[in-house]
Amino acid sequence: MSIEANLANIRKEISNNISLVAVSKTKPTSDILEAYSAGQRIFGENKIQEMVSKFEELPKDIKWHMIGHLQRNKVKYMAHFVDLIHGVDSLKTLKEINKQAQKHRRTIACLLQIKIATEDTKFGIPTDEVGALLMSDEFKSLENIQIKGFMGMASFTEDLDIVKTEFDVLKALYDQLSPIHDLNTLSMGMSGDYPLAIECGSNMVRVGSAIFGTRNYN
């Protein structure tokens, strides 16, 4: 099926209040333009250099989301245009984003990545440390970032009961802290589990292979 048809099928499954991030990492600009022509405007990349290159080539009304694990020394390359940074997992990273945002006189929106999976390979802030971070004076001093909500990645398993349990943990944390900190985004779910994530309360999903097909490896 075409990219346009894949997008149409996914949009039938999700409501209008759910943001669809088309994960375009490793995909050529021609694929992104096909999705763009079908009405898609939010695209996610996991490598800053690749995202910068695509930003320079493609229409400027695209909203670019950085969805990969973030290296602090590369924040400066995307600080002038990135729309949302998903995987923020430390105060040090928040400080660097704030510093680079100040240089461009803008506020950068971020999601805190929460560790919900049991796998050691998954990054994230432990659930029992999130509230303290958001209430800390150091965090409150960062005036050029805005925490929009939380992001979490479930364990890589075919056992959907495990995945659901992990999603439920993140939803509970979000429900607890969102009224206090004015959060509005809960990003859970990828190509393999986004329907379940939506059932569990996600309002932003990151979908790559279900739109563009199998990832291209460099």
C-alpha atoms as a PDB file:
ATOM      1  CA  MET A   1       0.000   0.000   0.000  1.00  0.00           C
ATOM      2  CA  SER A   2       1.051   3.597  -0.538  1.00  0.00           C
ATOM      3  CA  ILE A   3       2.100   5.984   2.207  1.00  0.00           C
ATOM      4  CA  GLU A   4      -1.072   7.972   1.591  1.00  0.00           C
ATOM      5  CA  ALA A   5      -3.230   4.852   1.985  1.00  0.00           C
ATOM      6  CA  ASN A   6      -1.386   3.807   5.140  1.00  0.00           C
ATOM      7  CA  LEU A   7      -1.971   7.228   6.667  1.00  0.00           C
ATOM      8  CA  ALA A   8      -5.641   7.112   5.752  1.00  0.00           C
ATOM      9  CA  ASN A   9      -6.052   3.723   7.434  1.00  0.00           C
ATOM     10  CA  ILE A  10      -4.314   4.872  10.616  1.00  0.00           C
ATOM     11  CA  ARG A  11      -6.405   8.039  10.801  1.00  0.00           C
ATOM     12  CA  LYS A  12      -9.537   5.906  10.707  1.00  0.00           C
ATOM     13  CA  GLU A  13      -8.320   4.190  13.885  1.00  0.00           C
ATOM     14  CA  ILE A  14      -7.455   7.289  15.893  1.00  0.00           C
ATOM     15  CA  SER A  15      -9.594  10.228  16.922  1.00  0.00           C
ATOM     16  CA  ASN A  16      -8.876  13.836  16.043  1.00  0.00           C
ATOM     17  CA  ASN A  17      -7.608  14.618  19.531  1.00  0.00           C
ATOM     18  CA  ILE A  18      -4.694  12.192  19.148  1.00  0.00           C
ATOM     19  CA  SER A  19      -1.500  13.547  17.606  1.00  0.00           C
ATOM     20  CA  LEU A  20       0.112  11.297  15.011  1.00  0.00           C
ATOM     21  CA  VAL A  21       3.894  11.579  14.779  1.00  0.00           C
ATOM     22  CA  ALA A  22       5.087  10.051  11.511  1.00  0.00           C
ATOM     23  CA  VAL A  23       8.476   8.524  12.346  1.00  0.00           C
ATOM     24  CA  SER A  24      10.509   9.348   9.268  1.00  0.00           C
ATOM     25  CA  LYS A  25      13.982   8.375  10.499  1.00  0.00           C
ATOM     26  CA  THR A  26      16.155   6.891   7.722  1.00  0.00           C
ATOM     27  CA  LYS A  27      13.448   7.685   5.156  1.00  0.00           C
ATOM     28  CA  PRO A  28      14.179   9.868   2.101  1.00  0.00           C
ATOM     29  CA  THR A  29      12.646  13.291   1.688  1.00  0.00           C
ATOM     30  CA  SER A  30      10.503  11.915  -1.158  1.00  0.00           C
ATOM     31  CA  ASP A  31       8.667   9.673   1.316  1.00  0.00           C
ATOM     32  CA  ILE A  32       8.167  12.582   3.705  1.00  0.00           C
ATOM     33  CA  LEU A  33       6.797  14.725   0.879  1.00  0.00           C
ATOM     34  CA  GLU A  34       4.329  11.966  -0.015  1.00  0.00           C
ATOM     35  CA  ALA A  35       3.087  11.944   3.580  1.00  0.00           C
ATOM     36  CA  TYR A  36       3.075  15.745   3.599  1.00  0.00           C
ATOM     37  CA  SER A  37       0.930  15.792   0.460  1.00  0.00           C
ATOM     38  CA  ALA A  38      -1.500  13.498   2.291  1.00  0.00           C
ATOM     39  CA  GLY A  39      -1.846  16.092   5.049  1.00  0.00           C
ATOM     40  CA  GLN A  40       0.739  14.884   7.581  1.00  0.00           C
ATOM     41  CA  ARG A  41       2.610  17.717   9.294  1.00  0.00           C
ATOM     42  CA  ILE A  42       4.335  16.156  12.336  1.00  0.00           C
ATOM     43  CA  PHE A  43       7.453  14.080  11.675  1.00  0.00           C
ATOM     44  CA  GLY A  44       9.801  12.400  14.139  1.00  0.00           C
ATOM     45  CA  GLU A  45      13.531  11.850  13.761  1.00  0.00           C
ATOM     46  CA  ASN A  46      16.039  10.180  16.077  1.00  0.00           C
ATOM     47  CA  LYS A  47      19.280  11.689  14.734  1.00  0.00           C
ATOM     48  CA  ILE A  48      19.768  15.429  14.937  1.00  0.00           C
ATOM     49  CA  GLN A  49      22.024  15.694  11.880  1.00  0.00           C
ATOM     50  CA  GLU A  50      19.461  13.902   9.741  1.00  0.00           C
ATOM     51  CA  MET A  51      16.634  16.058  11.070  1.00  0.00           C
ATOM     52  CA  VAL A  52      18.583  19.273  10.406  1.00  0.00           C
ATOM     53  CA  SER A  53      19.227  18.206   6.816  1.00  0.00           C
ATOM     54  CA  LYS A  54      15.560  17.424   6.238  1.00  0.00           C
ATOM     55  CA  PHE A  55      14.466  20.660   7.916  1.00  0.00           C
ATOM     56  CA  GLU A  56      16.598  22.626   5.471  1.00  0.00           C
ATOM     57  CA  GLU A  57      15.179  20.805   2.438  1.00  0.00           C
ATOM     58  CA  LEU A  58      11.499  20.443   3.272  1.00  0.00           C
ATOM     59  CA  PRO A  59       8.487  22.777   3.763  1.00  0.00           C
ATOM     60  CA  LYS A  60       8.800  25.047   6.773  1.00  0.00           C
ATOM     61  CA  ASP A  61       5.342  24.339   8.176  1.00  0.00           C
ATOM     62  CA  ILE A  62       6.471  20.823   9.147  1.00  0.00           C
ATOM     63  CA  LYS A  63       6.680  20.307  12.905  1.00  0.00           C
ATOM     64  CA  TRP A  64       9.843  18.357  13.699  1.00  0.00           C
ATOM     65  CA  HIS A  65       9.928  16.146  16.785  1.00  0.00           C
ATOM     66  CA  MET A  66      13.176  14.779  18.172  1.00  0.00           C
ATOM     67  CA  ILE A  67      12.265  11.291  19.358  1.00  0.00           C
ATOM     68  CA  GLY A  68      15.644   9.621  19.870  1.00  0.00           C
ATOM     69  CA  HIS A  69      17.877   9.569  22.930  1.00  0.00           C
ATOM     70  CA  LEU A  70      19.281  13.059  23.167  1.00  0.00           C
ATOM     71  CA  GLN A  71      22.989  13.902  23.305  1.00  0.00           C
ATOM     72  CA  ARG A  72      23.353  17.224  25.100  1.00  0.00           C
ATOM     73  CA  ASN A  73      26.201  18.452  22.914  1.00  0.00           C
ATOM     74  CA  LYS A  74      23.958  18.309  19.824  1.00  0.00           C
ATOM     75  CA  VAL A  75      20.975  20.255  21.150  1.00  0.00           C
ATOM     76  CA  LYS A  76      22.427  23.472  19.693  1.00  0.00           C
ATOM     77  CA  TYR A  77      21.996  22.220  16.134  1.00  0.00           C
ATOM     78  CA  MET A  78      18.204  21.963  16.357  1.00  0.00           C
ATOM     79  CA  ALA A  79      17.369  24.579  18.982  1.00  0.00           C
ATOM     80  CA  HIS A  80      16.228  27.124  16.394  1.00  0.00           C
ATOM     81  CA  PHE A  81      13.511  24.969  14.879  1.00  0.00           C
ATOM     82  CA  VAL A  82      12.613  21.800  16.811  1.00  0.00           C
ATOM     83  CA  ASP A  83       8.927  21.755  17.788  1.00  0.00           C
ATOM     84  CA  LEU A  84       9.004  19.096  20.525  1.00  0.00           C
ATOM     85  CA  ILE A  85      11.747  17.037  22.170  1.00  0.00           C
ATOM     86  CA  HIS A  86      10.424  13.665  23.371  1.00  0.00           C
ATOM     87  CA  GLY A  87      13.170  11.861  25.216  1.00  0.00           C
ATOM     88  CA  VAL A  88      14.309  14.218  27.974  1.00  0.00           C
ATOM     89  CA  ASP A  89      15.474  12.104  30.891  1.00  0.00           C
ATOM     90  CA  SER A  90      17.602  14.305  33.145  1.00  0.00           C
ATOM     91  CA  LEU A  91      17.872  17.770  34.667  1.00  0.00           C
ATOM     92  CA  LYS A  92      21.255  18.222  32.946  1.00  0.00           C
ATOM     93  CA  THR A  93      19.592  17.768  29.570  1.00  0.00           C
ATOM     94  CA  LEU A  94      16.811  20.198  30.494  1.00  0.00           C
ATOM     95  CA  LYS A  95      19.439  22.787  31.452  1.00  0.00           C
ATOM     96  CA  GLU A  96      21.191  22.437  28.097  1.00  0.00           C
ATOM     97  CA  ILE A  97      17.908  22.738  26.176  1.00  0.00           C
ATOM     98  CA  ASN A  98      17.051  25.838  28.196  1.00  0.00           C
ATOM     99  CA  LYS A  99      20.489  27.343  27.491  1.00  0.00           C
ATOM    100  CA  GLN A 100      20.186  26.812  23.743  1.00  0.00           C
ATOM    101  CA  ALA A 101      16.583  28.035  23.690  1.00  0.00           C
ATOM    102  CA  GLN A 102      17.671  31.271  25.370  1.00  0.00           C
ATOM    103  CA  LYS A 103      20.185  31.896  22.585  1.00  0.00           C
ATOM    104  CA  HIS A 104      17.349  31.787  20.045  1.00  0.00           C
ATOM    105  CA  ARG A 105      14.901  33.694  22.226  1.00  0.00           C
ATOM    106  CA  ARG A 106      12.356  30.925  22.132  1.00  0.00           C
ATOM    107  CA  THR A 107      10.734  28.395  24.422  1.00  0.00           C
ATOM    108  CA  ILE A 108      11.273  24.741  23.537  1.00  0.00           C
ATOM    109  CA  ALA A 109       8.570  22.225  24.378  1.00  0.00           C
ATOM    110  CA  CYS A 110       9.688  18.943  25.920  1.00  0.00           C
ATOM    111  CA  LEU A 111       8.334  15.620  27.131  1.00  0.00           C
ATOM    112  CA  LEU A 112       9.931  13.919  30.088  1.00  0.00           C
ATOM    113  CA  GLN A 113      10.811  10.330  29.262  1.00  0.00           C
ATOM    114  CA  ILE A 114       9.630   8.098  32.084  1.00  0.00           C
ATOM    115  CA  LYS A 115      11.130   4.659  32.606  1.00  0.00           C
ATOM    116  CA  ILE A 116       8.239   2.195  32.580  1.00  0.00           C
ATOM    117  CA  ALA A 117       9.892  -0.840  30.958  1.00  0.00           C
ATOM    118  CA  THR A 118      11.913  -3.357  32.936  1.00  0.00           C
ATOM    119  CA  GLU A 119      14.544  -3.576  30.193  1.00  0.00           C
ATOM    120  CA  ASP A 120      17.882  -2.001  31.067  1.00  0.00           C
ATOM    121  CA  THR A 121      18.209  -0.709  27.507  1.00  0.00           C
ATOM    122  CA  LYS A 122      15.307   1.712  27.972  1.00  0.00           C
ATOM    123  CA  PHE A 123      16.115   5.229  29.159  1.00  0.00           C
ATOM    124  CA  GLY A 124      13.938   7.340  31.411  1.00  0.00           C
ATOM    125  CA  ILE A 125      13.372   8.996  34.761  1.00  0.00           C
ATOM    126  CA  PRO A 126      12.156   6.604  37.483  1.00  0.00           C
ATOM    127  CA  THR A 127       8.488   7.178  38.245  1.00  0.00           C
ATOM    128  CA  ASP A 128       9.164   7.967  41.888  1.00  0.00           C
ATOM    129  CA  GLU A 129      11.545  10.829  40.994  1.00  0.00           C
ATOM    130  CA  VAL A 130       9.382  12.774  38.535  1.00  0.00           C
ATOM    131  CA  GLY A 131       7.330  14.767  41.035  1.00  0.00           C
ATOM    132  CA  ALA A 132      10.400  15.949  42.926  1.00  0.00           C
ATOM    133  CA  LEU A 133      12.089  17.033  39.694  1.00  0.00           C
ATOM    134  CA  LEU A 134       9.108  19.128  38.634  1.00  0.00           C
ATOM    135  CA  MET A 135       8.919  20.778  42.062  1.00  0.00           C
ATOM    136  CA  SER A 136      12.643  21.496  42.377  1.00  0.00           C
ATOM    137  CA  ASP A 137      13.932  25.065  42.386  1.00  0.00           C
ATOM    138  CA  GLU A 138      16.513  24.160  39.729  1.00  0.00           C
ATOM    139  CA  PHE A 139      13.773  23.038  37.365  1.00  0.00           C
ATOM    140  CA  LYS A 140      11.584  26.064  38.097  1.00  0.00           C
ATOM    141  CA  SER A 141      14.471  28.378  37.183  1.00  0.00           C
ATOM    142  CA  LEU A 142      14.469  27.117  33.583  1.00  0.00           C
ATOM    143  CA  GLU A 143      12.371  29.747  31.845  1.00  0.00           C
ATOM    144  CA  ASN A 144      12.933  28.748  28.206  1.00  0.00           C
ATOM    145  CA  ILE A 145      11.530  25.242  28.316  1.00  0.00           C
ATOM    146  CA  GLN A 146       7.972  24.030  28.690  1.00  0.00           C
ATOM    147  CA  ILE A 147       7.194  20.513  29.879  1.00  0.00           C
ATOM    148  CA  LYS A 148       4.149  19.466  27.869  1.00  0.00           C
ATOM    149  CA  GLY A 149       3.826  15.981  29.320  1.00  0.00           C
ATOM    150  CA  PHE A 150       5.362  12.522  29.494  1.00  0.00           C
ATOM    151  CA  MET A 151       6.659   9.922  27.075  1.00  0.00           C
ATOM    152  CA  GLY A 152       7.296   6.254  27.752  1.00  0.00           C
ATOM    153  CA  MET A 153       8.366   3.157  25.846  1.00  0.00           C
ATOM    154  CA  ALA A 154       7.022  -0.216  26.879  1.00  0.00           C
ATOM    155  CA  SER A 155       9.056  -3.414  27.011  1.00  0.00           C
ATOM    156  CA  PHE A 156       9.850  -5.066  23.685  1.00  0.00           C
ATOM    157  CA  THR A 157       7.620  -8.101  24.126  1.00  0.00           C
ATOM    158  CA  GLU A 158       4.671  -9.800  22.479  1.00  0.00           C
ATOM    159  CA  ASP A 159       3.001 -10.143  25.885  1.00  0.00           C
ATOM    160  CA  LEU A 160       0.441  -7.348  25.689  1.00  0.00           C
ATOM    161  CA  ASP A 161      -0.473  -7.788  29.352  1.00  0.00           C
ATOM    162  CA  ILE A 162       3.023  -6.602  30.274  1.00  0.00           C
ATOM    163  CA  VAL A 163       2.775  -3.707  27.828  1.00  0.00           C
ATOM    164  CA  LYS A 164      -0.630  -2.699  29.174  1.00  0.00           C
ATOM    165  CA  THR A 165       0.618  -2.757  32.749  1.00  0.00           C
ATOM    166  CA  GLU A 166       3.498  -0.443  31.823  1.00  0.00           C
ATOM    167  CA  PHE A 167       1.225   1.937  29.922  1.00  0.00           C
ATOM    168  CA  ASP A 168      -1.172   2.001  32.877  1.00  0.00           C
ATOM    169  CA  VAL A 169       1.688   2.987  35.213  1.00  0.00           C
ATOM    170  CA  LEU A 170       2.525   5.974  33.031  1.00  0.00           C
ATOM    171  CA  LYS A 171      -1.117   6.990  32.647  1.00  0.00           C
ATOM    172  CA  ALA A 172      -1.558   6.933  36.424  1.00  0.00           C
ATOM    173  CA  LEU A 173       1.506   9.158  36.889  1.00  0.00           C
ATOM    174  CA  TYR A 174       0.237  11.523  34.202  1.00  0.00           C
ATOM    175  CA  ASP A 175      -3.205  11.728  35.826  1.00  0.00           C
ATOM    176  CA  GLN A 176      -1.583  12.466  39.179  1.00  0.00           C
ATOM    177  CA  LEU A 177       0.744  15.231  38.001  1.00  0.00           C
ATOM    178  CA  SER A 178      -0.976  16.813  34.992  1.00  0.00           C
ATOM    179  CA  PRO A 179      -3.413  18.994  37.009  1.00  0.00           C
ATOM    180  CA  ILE A 180      -0.540  20.314  39.146  1.00  0.00           C
ATOM    181  CA  HIS A 181       1.865  21.062  36.317  1.00  0.00           C
ATOM    182  CA  ASP A 182      -0.539  21.870  33.444  1.00  0.00           C
ATOM    183  CA  LEU A 183       0.455  18.889  31.297  1.00  0.00           C
ATOM    184  CA  ASN A 184      -1.492  17.986  28.161  1.00  0.00           C
ATOM    185  CA  THR A 185       0.512  15.338  26.299  1.00  0.00           C
ATOM    186  CA  LEU A 186       0.915  11.635  27.013  1.00  0.00           C
ATOM    187  CA  SER A 187       3.035  10.014  24.321  1.00  0.00           C
ATOM    188  CA  MET A 188       2.818   6.217  24.336  1.00  0.00           C
ATOM    189  CA  GLY A 189       2.583   3.724  21.503  1.00  0.00           C
ATOM    190  CA  MET A 190       4.422   2.896  18.285  1.00  0.00           C
ATOM    191  CA  SER A 191       3.563   0.900  15.159  1.00  0.00           C
ATOM    192  CA  GLY A 192       3.235  -2.383  17.023  1.00  0.00           C
ATOM    193  CA  ASP A 193       1.227  -1.252  20.038  1.00  0.00           C
ATOM    194  CA  TYR A 194      -0.394   2.132  19.372  1.00  0.00           C
ATOM    195  CA  PRO A 195      -4.011   0.827  19.446  1.00  0.00           C
ATOM    196  CA  LEU A 196      -3.385  -0.539  22.952  1.00  0.00           C
ATOM    197  CA  ALA A 197      -1.627   2.677  23.976  1.00  0.00           C
ATOM    198  CA  ILE A 198      -4.647   4.706  22.889  1.00  0.00           C
ATOM    199  CA  GLU A 199      -6.920   2.428  24.898  1.00  0.00           C
ATOM    200  CA  CYS A 200      -4.677   3.142  27.887  1.00  0.00           C
ATOM    201  CA  GLY A 201      -4.984   6.904  27.463  1.00  0.00           C
ATOM    202  CA  SER A 202      -2.241   7.983  25.059  1.00  0.00           C
ATOM    203  CA  ASN A 203      -2.968  11.140  23.070  1.00  0.00           C
ATOM    204  CA  MET A 204       0.215  11.068  20.971  1.00  0.00           C
ATOM    205  CA  VAL A 205       1.501   8.053  19.041  1.00  0.00           C
ATOM    206  CA  ARG A 206       4.763   7.581  17.140  1.00  0.00           C
ATOM    207  CA  VAL A 207       4.200   5.488  14.023  1.00  0.00           C
ATOM    208  CA  GLY A 208       6.905   4.648  11.507  1.00  0.00           C
ATOM    209  CA  SER A 209       6.815   1.285   9.726  1.00  0.00           C
ATOM    210  CA  ALA A 210       2.999   1.222   9.570  1.00  0.00           C
ATOM    211  CA  ILE A 211       3.228   4.411   7.483  1.00  0.00           C
ATOM    212  CA  PHE A 212       6.503   4.163   5.573  1.00  0.00           C
ATOM    213  CA  GLY A 213       7.195   0.426   5.553  1.00  0.00           C
ATOM    214  CA  THR A 214      10.272  -1.309   6.906  1.00  0.00           C
ATOM    215  CA  ARG A 215      13.017   1.006   8.115  1.00  0.00           C
ATOM    216  CA  ASN A 216      15.958   1.711   5.849  1.00  0.00           C
ATOM    217  CA  TYR A 217      19.278   1.001   7.538  1.00  0.00           C
ATOM    218  CA  ASN A 218      22.253   3.167   6.631  1.00  0.00           C
END
